[in-house]
């Protein structure tokens, strides 16, 4: 898979060990691995498997962006 400059900026700007959802203790790494393992394409599917956005809802836009990123990268595994 060939990444353009925008993809590289996106990939390097995410610290995958940071929390995506504090309420449910889900890290970006855990959410991303769930997305690629199950080829998740909707927020509803991600919510069902991880519980993200079911607490305060503050992580909804971050979860949606992570889903978009995973799809754009064809569900490629993390290299970090």
PDB file of N, CA and C in Angstrom:
ATOM      1  N   UNK A   1       0.835  -1.167   0.000  1.00  0.00           N
ATOM      2  CA  UNK A   1       0.000   0.000   0.000  1.00  0.00           C
ATOM      3  C   UNK A   1       0.885   1.237   0.000  1.00  0.00           C
ATOM      4  N   UNK A   2       0.560   2.164  -0.865  1.00  0.00           N
ATOM      5  CA  UNK A   2       1.333   3.380  -0.978  1.00  0.00           C
ATOM      6  C   UNK A   2       0.621   4.500  -0.233  1.00  0.00           C
ATOM      7  N   UNK A   3       1.336   5.178   0.656  1.00  0.00           N
ATOM      8  CA  UNK A   3       0.747   6.263   1.422  1.00  0.00           C
ATOM      9  C   UNK A   3       1.204   7.605   0.865  1.00  0.00           C
ATOM     10  N   UNK A   4       0.283   8.548   0.788  1.00  0.00           N
ATOM     11  CA  UNK A   4       0.680   9.891   0.385  1.00  0.00           C
ATOM     12  C   UNK A   4       1.044  10.696   1.629  1.00  0.00           C
ATOM     13  N   UNK A   5       1.450  11.937   1.434  1.00  0.00           N
ATOM     14  CA  UNK A   5       1.898  12.770   2.539  1.00  0.00           C
ATOM     15  C   UNK A   5       0.813  12.941   3.595  1.00  0.00           C
ATOM     16  N   UNK A   6      -0.427  13.118   3.178  1.00  0.00           N
ATOM     17  CA  UNK A   6      -1.527  13.301   4.126  1.00  0.00           C
ATOM     18  C   UNK A   6      -1.736  12.048   4.977  1.00  0.00           C
ATOM     19  N   UNK A   7      -1.610  10.878   4.371  1.00  0.00           N
ATOM     20  CA  UNK A   7      -1.739   9.623   5.128  1.00  0.00           C
ATOM     21  C   UNK A   7      -0.634   9.515   6.173  1.00  0.00           C
ATOM     22  N   UNK A   8       0.580   9.873   5.788  1.00  0.00           N
ATOM     23  CA  UNK A   8       1.706   9.789   6.721  1.00  0.00           C
ATOM     24  C   UNK A   8       1.521  10.755   7.885  1.00  0.00           C
ATOM     25  N   UNK A   9       1.027  11.954   7.604  1.00  0.00           N
ATOM     26  CA  UNK A   9       0.757  12.912   8.679  1.00  0.00           C
ATOM     27  C   UNK A   9      -0.258  12.337   9.641  1.00  0.00           C
ATOM     28  N   UNK A  10      -1.301  11.745   9.102  1.00  0.00           N
ATOM     29  CA  UNK A  10      -2.361  11.176   9.932  1.00  0.00           C
ATOM     30  C   UNK A  10      -1.823  10.030  10.782  1.00  0.00           C
ATOM     31  N   UNK A  11      -1.070   9.145  10.172  1.00  0.00           N
ATOM     32  CA  UNK A  11      -0.563   7.984  10.889  1.00  0.00           C
ATOM     33  C   UNK A  11       0.405   8.378  11.995  1.00  0.00           C
ATOM     34  N   UNK A  12       1.267   9.341  11.725  1.00  0.00           N
ATOM     35  CA  UNK A  12       2.248   9.714  12.734  1.00  0.00           C
ATOM     36  C   UNK A  12       1.669  10.625  13.802  1.00  0.00           C
ATOM     37  N   UNK A  13       0.505  11.234  13.544  1.00  0.00           N
ATOM     38  CA  UNK A  13      -0.087  12.120  14.544  1.00  0.00           C
ATOM     39  C   UNK A  13      -0.875  11.352  15.599  1.00  0.00           C
ATOM     40  N   UNK A  14      -1.190  10.100  15.345  1.00  0.00           N
ATOM     41  CA  UNK A  14      -1.943   9.299  16.318  1.00  0.00           C
ATOM     42  C   UNK A  14      -0.965   8.542  17.197  1.00  0.00           C
ATOM     43  N   UNK A  15      -1.077   8.761  18.499  1.00  0.00           N
ATOM     44  CA  UNK A  15      -0.332   7.945  19.442  1.00  0.00           C
ATOM     45  C   UNK A  15      -1.285   6.813  19.822  1.00  0.00           C
ATOM     46  N   UNK A  16      -1.056   5.645  19.293  1.00  0.00           N
ATOM     47  CA  UNK A  16      -1.998   4.541  19.435  1.00  0.00           C
ATOM     48  C   UNK A  16      -2.151   4.036  20.863  1.00  0.00           C
ATOM     49  N   UNK A  17      -1.226   4.422  21.749  1.00  0.00           N
ATOM     50  CA  UNK A  17      -1.342   3.990  23.131  1.00  0.00           C
ATOM     51  C   UNK A  17      -2.157   4.966  23.981  1.00  0.00           C
ATOM     52  N   UNK A  18      -2.534   6.114  23.404  1.00  0.00           N
ATOM     53  CA  UNK A  18      -3.400   7.051  24.112  1.00  0.00           C
ATOM     54  C   UNK A  18      -4.814   6.503  24.142  1.00  0.00           C
ATOM     55  N   UNK A  19      -5.593   7.030  25.073  1.00  0.00           N
ATOM     56  CA  UNK A  19      -6.984   6.611  25.209  1.00  0.00           C
ATOM     57  C   UNK A  19      -7.855   7.289  24.155  1.00  0.00           C
ATOM     58  N   UNK A  20      -8.621   6.488  23.477  1.00  0.00           N
ATOM     59  CA  UNK A  20      -9.649   6.994  22.569  1.00  0.00           C
ATOM     60  C   UNK A  20     -10.902   7.287  23.391  1.00  0.00           C
ATOM     61  N   UNK A  21     -11.256   6.355  24.254  1.00  0.00           N
ATOM     62  CA  UNK A  21     -12.449   6.476  25.086  1.00  0.00           C
ATOM     63  C   UNK A  21     -12.056   6.261  26.552  1.00  0.00           C
ATOM     64  N   UNK A  22     -12.060   7.353  27.306  1.00  0.00           N
ATOM     65  CA  UNK A  22     -11.698   7.257  28.719  1.00  0.00           C
ATOM     66  C   UNK A  22     -12.777   6.536  29.518  1.00  0.00           C
ATOM     67  N   UNK A  23     -14.027   6.762  29.188  1.00  0.00           N
ATOM     68  CA  UNK A  23     -15.122   6.159  29.943  1.00  0.00           C
ATOM     69  C   UNK A  23     -15.065   4.630  29.925  1.00  0.00           C
ATOM     70  N   UNK A  24     -14.687   4.062  28.783  1.00  0.00           N
ATOM     71  CA  UNK A  24     -14.648   2.607  28.630  1.00  0.00           C
ATOM     72  C   UNK A  24     -13.223   2.058  28.569  1.00  0.00           C
ATOM     73  N   UNK A  25     -12.226   2.925  28.792  1.00  0.00           N
ATOM     74  CA  UNK A  25     -10.804   2.534  28.786  1.00  0.00           C
ATOM     75  C   UNK A  25     -10.406   1.805  27.505  1.00  0.00           C
ATOM     76  N   UNK A  26     -10.703   2.425  26.372  1.00  0.00           N
ATOM     77  CA  UNK A  26     -10.361   1.854  25.073  1.00  0.00           C
ATOM     78  C   UNK A  26      -9.299   2.740  24.420  1.00  0.00           C
ATOM     79  N   UNK A  27      -8.129   2.168  24.158  1.00  0.00           N
ATOM     80  CA  UNK A  27      -7.054   2.929  23.523  1.00  0.00           C
ATOM     81  C   UNK A  27      -7.270   2.969  22.010  1.00  0.00           C
ATOM     82  N   UNK A  28      -6.569   3.895  21.365  1.00  0.00           N
ATOM     83  CA  UNK A  28      -6.613   3.943  19.903  1.00  0.00           C
ATOM     84  C   UNK A  28      -6.154   2.593  19.331  1.00  0.00           C
ATOM     85  N   UNK A  29      -5.113   2.011  19.926  1.00  0.00           N
ATOM     86  CA  UNK A  29      -4.577   0.723  19.450  1.00  0.00           C
ATOM     87  C   UNK A  29      -5.643  -0.369  19.526  1.00  0.00           C
ATOM     88  N   UNK A  30      -6.317  -0.465  20.672  1.00  0.00           N
ATOM     89  CA  UNK A  30      -7.352  -1.496  20.833  1.00  0.00           C
ATOM     90  C   UNK A  30      -8.496  -1.287  19.843  1.00  0.00           C
ATOM     91  N   UNK A  31      -8.924  -0.036  19.694  1.00  0.00           N
ATOM     92  CA  UNK A  31     -10.020   0.254  18.764  1.00  0.00           C
ATOM     93  C   UNK A  31      -9.605  -0.054  17.332  1.00  0.00           C
ATOM     94  N   UNK A  32      -8.390   0.366  16.950  1.00  0.00           N
ATOM     95  CA  UNK A  32      -7.926   0.135  15.581  1.00  0.00           C
ATOM     96  C   UNK A  32      -7.801  -1.365  15.304  1.00  0.00           C
ATOM     97  N   UNK A  33      -7.239  -2.103  16.248  1.00  0.00           N
ATOM     98  CA  UNK A  33      -7.105  -3.552  16.056  1.00  0.00           C
ATOM     99  C   UNK A  33      -8.470  -4.228  15.946  1.00  0.00           C
ATOM    100  N   UNK A  34      -9.449  -3.756  16.695  1.00  0.00           N
ATOM    101  CA  UNK A  34     -10.811  -4.290  16.587  1.00  0.00           C
ATOM    102  C   UNK A  34     -11.378  -3.979  15.206  1.00  0.00           C
ATOM    103  N   UNK A  35     -11.161  -2.760  14.746  1.00  0.00           N
ATOM    104  CA  UNK A  35     -11.657  -2.348  13.427  1.00  0.00           C
ATOM    105  C   UNK A  35     -11.079  -3.229  12.322  1.00  0.00           C
ATOM    106  N   UNK A  36      -9.757  -3.426  12.337  1.00  0.00           N
ATOM    107  CA  UNK A  36      -9.147  -4.190  11.237  1.00  0.00           C
ATOM    108  C   UNK A  36      -9.425  -5.690  11.351  1.00  0.00           C
ATOM    109  N   UNK A  37      -9.530  -6.200  12.561  1.00  0.00           N
ATOM    110  CA  UNK A  37      -9.807  -7.625  12.758  1.00  0.00           C
ATOM    111  C   UNK A  37     -11.190  -7.998  12.236  1.00  0.00           C
ATOM    112  N   UNK A  38     -12.158  -7.129  12.499  1.00  0.00           N
ATOM    113  CA  UNK A  38     -13.550  -7.411  12.133  1.00  0.00           C
ATOM    114  C   UNK A  38     -14.006  -6.666  10.887  1.00  0.00           C
ATOM    115  N   UNK A  39     -13.065  -5.924  10.255  1.00  0.00           N
ATOM    116  CA  UNK A  39     -13.385  -5.139   9.044  1.00  0.00           C
ATOM    117  C   UNK A  39     -14.628  -4.261   9.296  1.00  0.00           C
ATOM    118  N   UNK A  40     -14.604  -3.560  10.402  1.00  0.00           N
ATOM    119  CA  UNK A  40     -15.722  -2.718  10.812  1.00  0.00           C
ATOM    120  C   UNK A  40     -15.824  -1.493   9.910  1.00  0.00           C
ATOM    121  N   UNK A  41     -17.041  -1.192   9.489  1.00  0.00           N
ATOM    122  CA  UNK A  41     -17.251  -0.049   8.607  1.00  0.00           C
ATOM    123  C   UNK A  41     -18.218   0.982   9.189  1.00  0.00           C
ATOM    124  N   UNK A  42     -18.855   0.667  10.302  1.00  0.00           N
ATOM    125  CA  UNK A  42     -19.791   1.624  10.889  1.00  0.00           C
ATOM    126  C   UNK A  42     -19.463   1.857  12.362  1.00  0.00           C
ATOM    127  N   UNK A  43     -19.838   3.033  12.826  1.00  0.00           N
ATOM    128  CA  UNK A  43     -19.641   3.350  14.237  1.00  0.00           C
ATOM    129  C   UNK A  43     -20.444   2.401  15.118  1.00  0.00           C
ATOM    130  N   UNK A  44     -21.621   2.043  14.669  1.00  0.00           N
ATOM    131  CA  UNK A  44     -22.479   1.144  15.452  1.00  0.00           C
ATOM    132  C   UNK A  44     -21.789  -0.194  15.721  1.00  0.00           C
ATOM    133  N   UNK A  45     -21.104  -0.722  14.708  1.00  0.00           N
ATOM    134  CA  UNK A  45     -20.378  -1.987  14.891  1.00  0.00           C
ATOM    135  C   UNK A  45     -19.252  -1.823  15.906  1.00  0.00           C
ATOM    136  N   UNK A  46     -18.525  -0.703  15.810  1.00  0.00           N
ATOM    137  CA  UNK A  46     -17.425  -0.446  16.743  1.00  0.00           C
ATOM    138  C   UNK A  46     -17.950  -0.292  18.162  1.00  0.00           C
ATOM    139  N   UNK A  47     -19.074   0.399  18.310  1.00  0.00           N
ATOM    140  CA  UNK A  47     -19.699   0.574  19.629  1.00  0.00           C
ATOM    141  C   UNK A  47     -20.073  -0.781  20.222  1.00  0.00           C
ATOM    142  N   UNK A  48     -20.659  -1.632  19.402  1.00  0.00           N
ATOM    143  CA  UNK A  48     -21.097  -2.949  19.872  1.00  0.00           C
ATOM    144  C   UNK A  48     -19.919  -3.778  20.401  1.00  0.00           C
ATOM    145  N   UNK A  49     -18.773  -3.700  19.739  1.00  0.00           N
ATOM    146  CA  UNK A  49     -17.629  -4.528  20.123  1.00  0.00           C
ATOM    147  C   UNK A  49     -16.728  -3.910  21.192  1.00  0.00           C
ATOM    148  N   UNK A  50     -16.713  -2.572  21.294  1.00  0.00           N
ATOM    149  CA  UNK A  50     -15.785  -1.936  22.227  1.00  0.00           C
ATOM    150  C   UNK A  50     -16.452  -1.111  23.317  1.00  0.00           C
ATOM    151  N   UNK A  51     -17.668  -0.643  23.068  1.00  0.00           N
ATOM    152  CA  UNK A  51     -18.349   0.209  24.025  1.00  0.00           C
ATOM    153  C   UNK A  51     -18.017   1.689  23.888  1.00  0.00           C
ATOM    154  N   UNK A  52     -17.144   2.063  22.932  1.00  0.00           N
ATOM    155  CA  UNK A  52     -16.808   3.477  22.773  1.00  0.00           C
ATOM    156  C   UNK A  52     -18.064   4.287  22.498  1.00  0.00           C
ATOM    157  N   UNK A  53     -18.064   5.503  22.950  1.00  0.00           N
ATOM    158  CA  UNK A  53     -19.137   6.500  22.812  1.00  0.00           C
ATOM    159  C   UNK A  53     -20.343   6.236  23.705  1.00  0.00           C
ATOM    160  N   UNK A  54     -20.340   5.170  24.493  1.00  0.00           N
ATOM    161  CA  UNK A  54     -21.506   4.859  25.316  1.00  0.00           C
ATOM    162  C   UNK A  54     -21.432   5.478  26.702  1.00  0.00           C
ATOM    163  N   UNK A  55     -20.323   6.148  26.999  1.00  0.00           N
ATOM    164  CA  UNK A  55     -20.222   6.853  28.275  1.00  0.00           C
ATOM    165  C   UNK A  55     -20.695   8.278  28.082  1.00  0.00           C
ATOM    166  N   UNK A  56     -19.752   9.209  28.017  1.00  0.00           N
ATOM    167  CA  UNK A  56     -20.104  10.623  27.854  1.00  0.00           C
ATOM    168  C   UNK A  56     -20.312  11.009  26.388  1.00  0.00           C
ATOM    169  N   UNK A  57     -19.811  10.193  25.461  1.00  0.00           N
ATOM    170  CA  UNK A  57     -19.968  10.475  24.035  1.00  0.00           C
ATOM    171  C   UNK A  57     -18.901  11.401  23.461  1.00  0.00           C
ATOM    172  N   UNK A  58     -17.979  11.838  24.293  1.00  0.00           N
ATOM    173  CA  UNK A  58     -16.953  12.779  23.847  1.00  0.00           C
ATOM    174  C   UNK A  58     -15.983  12.225  22.823  1.00  0.00           C
ATOM    175  N   UNK A  59     -15.926  10.940  22.658  1.00  0.00           N
ATOM    176  CA  UNK A  59     -14.971  10.323  21.732  1.00  0.00           C
ATOM    177  C   UNK A  59     -15.590   9.991  20.375  1.00  0.00           C
ATOM    178  N   UNK A  60     -16.845  10.348  20.171  1.00  0.00           N
ATOM    179  CA  UNK A  60     -17.537   9.942  18.948  1.00  0.00           C
ATOM    180  C   UNK A  60     -16.822  10.404  17.686  1.00  0.00           C
ATOM    181  N   UNK A  61     -16.438  11.666  17.615  1.00  0.00           N
ATOM    182  CA  UNK A  61     -15.790  12.163  16.397  1.00  0.00           C
ATOM    183  C   UNK A  61     -14.418  11.526  16.200  1.00  0.00           C
ATOM    184  N   UNK A  62     -13.703  11.251  17.299  1.00  0.00           N
ATOM    185  CA  UNK A  62     -12.396  10.583  17.180  1.00  0.00           C
ATOM    186  C   UNK A  62     -12.569   9.154  16.679  1.00  0.00           C
ATOM    187  N   UNK A  63     -13.592   8.473  17.170  1.00  0.00           N
ATOM    188  CA  UNK A  63     -13.859   7.101  16.734  1.00  0.00           C
ATOM    189  C   UNK A  63     -14.240   7.080  15.254  1.00  0.00           C
ATOM    190  N   UNK A  64     -15.037   8.059  14.824  1.00  0.00           N
ATOM    191  CA  UNK A  64     -15.428   8.131  13.417  1.00  0.00           C
ATOM    192  C   UNK A  64     -14.215   8.384  12.525  1.00  0.00           C
ATOM    193  N   UNK A  65     -13.325   9.270  12.959  1.00  0.00           N
ATOM    194  CA  UNK A  65     -12.109   9.531  12.178  1.00  0.00           C
ATOM    195  C   UNK A  65     -11.214   8.303  12.114  1.00  0.00           C
ATOM    196  N   UNK A  66     -11.116   7.564  13.202  1.00  0.00           N
ATOM    197  CA  UNK A  66     -10.303   6.351  13.203  1.00  0.00           C
ATOM    198  C   UNK A  66     -10.888   5.310  12.250  1.00  0.00           C
ATOM    199  N   UNK A  67     -12.191   5.187  12.215  1.00  0.00           N
ATOM    200  CA  UNK A  67     -12.860   4.281  11.270  1.00  0.00           C
ATOM    201  C   UNK A  67     -12.552   4.680   9.826  1.00  0.00           C
ATOM    202  N   UNK A  68     -12.667   5.966   9.540  1.00  0.00           N
ATOM    203  CA  UNK A  68     -12.375   6.459   8.195  1.00  0.00           C
ATOM    204  C   UNK A  68     -10.929   6.175   7.811  1.00  0.00           C
ATOM    205  N   UNK A  69     -10.019   6.392   8.752  1.00  0.00           N
ATOM    206  CA  UNK A  69      -8.601   6.150   8.496  1.00  0.00           C
ATOM    207  C   UNK A  69      -8.345   4.671   8.195  1.00  0.00           C
ATOM    208  N   UNK A  70      -8.923   3.783   8.991  1.00  0.00           N
ATOM    209  CA  UNK A  70      -8.729   2.341   8.785  1.00  0.00           C
ATOM    210  C   UNK A  70      -9.247   1.915   7.418  1.00  0.00           C
ATOM    211  N   UNK A  71     -10.387   2.448   7.029  1.00  0.00           N
ATOM    212  CA  UNK A  71     -10.955   2.115   5.724  1.00  0.00           C
ATOM    213  C   UNK A  71     -10.088   2.665   4.597  1.00  0.00           C
ATOM    214  N   UNK A  72      -9.602   3.882   4.769  1.00  0.00           N
ATOM    215  CA  UNK A  72      -8.747   4.501   3.755  1.00  0.00           C
ATOM    216  C   UNK A  72      -7.460   3.690   3.560  1.00  0.00           C
ATOM    217  N   UNK A  73      -6.993   3.082   4.641  1.00  0.00           N
ATOM    218  CA  UNK A  73      -5.775   2.268   4.593  1.00  0.00           C
ATOM    219  C   UNK A  73      -6.070   0.803   4.290  1.00  0.00           C
ATOM    220  N   UNK A  74      -7.289   0.516   3.865  1.00  0.00           N
ATOM    221  CA  UNK A  74      -7.693  -0.855   3.534  1.00  0.00           C
ATOM    222  C   UNK A  74      -7.469  -1.840   4.675  1.00  0.00           C
ATOM    223  N   UNK A  75      -7.742  -1.361   5.877  1.00  0.00           N
ATOM    224  CA  UNK A  75      -7.645  -2.195   7.093  1.00  0.00           C
ATOM    225  C   UNK A  75      -6.253  -2.775   7.292  1.00  0.00           C
ATOM    226  N   UNK A  76      -5.230  -2.006   6.932  1.00  0.00           N
ATOM    227  CA  UNK A  76      -3.846  -2.452   7.103  1.00  0.00           C
ATOM    228  C   UNK A  76      -3.499  -2.494   8.591  1.00  0.00           C
ATOM    229  N   UNK A  77      -2.718  -3.497   9.001  1.00  0.00           N
ATOM    230  CA  UNK A  77      -2.318  -3.573  10.416  1.00  0.00           C
ATOM    231  C   UNK A  77      -1.363  -2.423  10.768  1.00  0.00           C
ATOM    232  N   UNK A  78      -1.285  -2.128  12.046  1.00  0.00           N
ATOM    233  CA  UNK A  78      -0.386  -1.076  12.515  1.00  0.00           C
ATOM    234  C   UNK A  78       1.063  -1.480  12.342  1.00  0.00           C
ATOM    235  N   UNK A  79       1.886  -0.512  12.035  1.00  0.00           N
ATOM    236  CA  UNK A  79       3.328  -0.757  11.943  1.00  0.00           C
ATOM    237  C   UNK A  79       4.048  -0.123  13.109  1.00  0.00           C
ATOM    238  N   UNK A  80       3.281   0.349  14.069  1.00  0.00           N
ATOM    239  CA  UNK A  80       3.881   1.037  15.219  1.00  0.00           C
ATOM    240  C   UNK A  80       3.547   0.336  16.496  1.00  0.00           C
TER     241      UNK A  80
END
